[in-house]
């Protein structure tokens, strides 16, 4: 492998950099990070690269859009260290995450199509009583249990403006009506989809103002587009990585 690294036409750092709009320092950083194989050296100590290094750079840059910079770095480092199985495992994990994100999107769309009305919960254990106040009202403990989150998370979402429960006049406990439960369900699904609280808040505000879920359609289309782009990017990255593996022999 050492002979292969030094075979072929020699390339300077600037030659690799110019082809991808990078700086020569970026090329050196990539080598130090293990993204590129170790460079050869001239008798005067200058770095020299080959077509193999160019292939490694193409593979890394193609992997980044689908897998992210950190995972792409780990994949290339594993390949260059000869741990190809480890690289494949990282790729499998990215694909599993993409599948999970697709399933989350489907769950969000399902929740939007048929948000269940709140019904009186069964008595349970929680930080507040499992009673109801008025038709369709529920307390924080049962709602948190239903969503599979902690009551503290619901309080955090309330502070961020995602929902506005009222207080039971007798006990002072939070009471979530049907609209609050709908907003909590949407917030939960959108958080699973990677949306930040400050991105979710205006969406839920639009849902409230419109009295329906139509404002989320644009967000869902954008979400579909991002997942589609990620899937295509993974295919492109896989093709370039396969080419690099062939070059490595």
Foldseek 3Di string as FASTA:
>chain_A
DVVLFPDADKDALVRLCVVPVHDSVVLVVLCVLQLFPAFDADPVGGGIGHVLRSLSVQLLVLVCLQQNNVLSSVLSNCVNVVNNVVSVVSLVVSVVLLVQLVVLLVVLVVCQVQPDQAQQDDFDDDPDTQGADDGRKGFQGVLCVVLVHHSVVVVVLVVLQQADFDADPVPRTGIAHRLRSSSVVNVSSVVSNVDDSVRSNVQSVVCVVVVGNVSCPVVSVVSVVSSVVSVVSSVSSVVSVVVSVVSVD
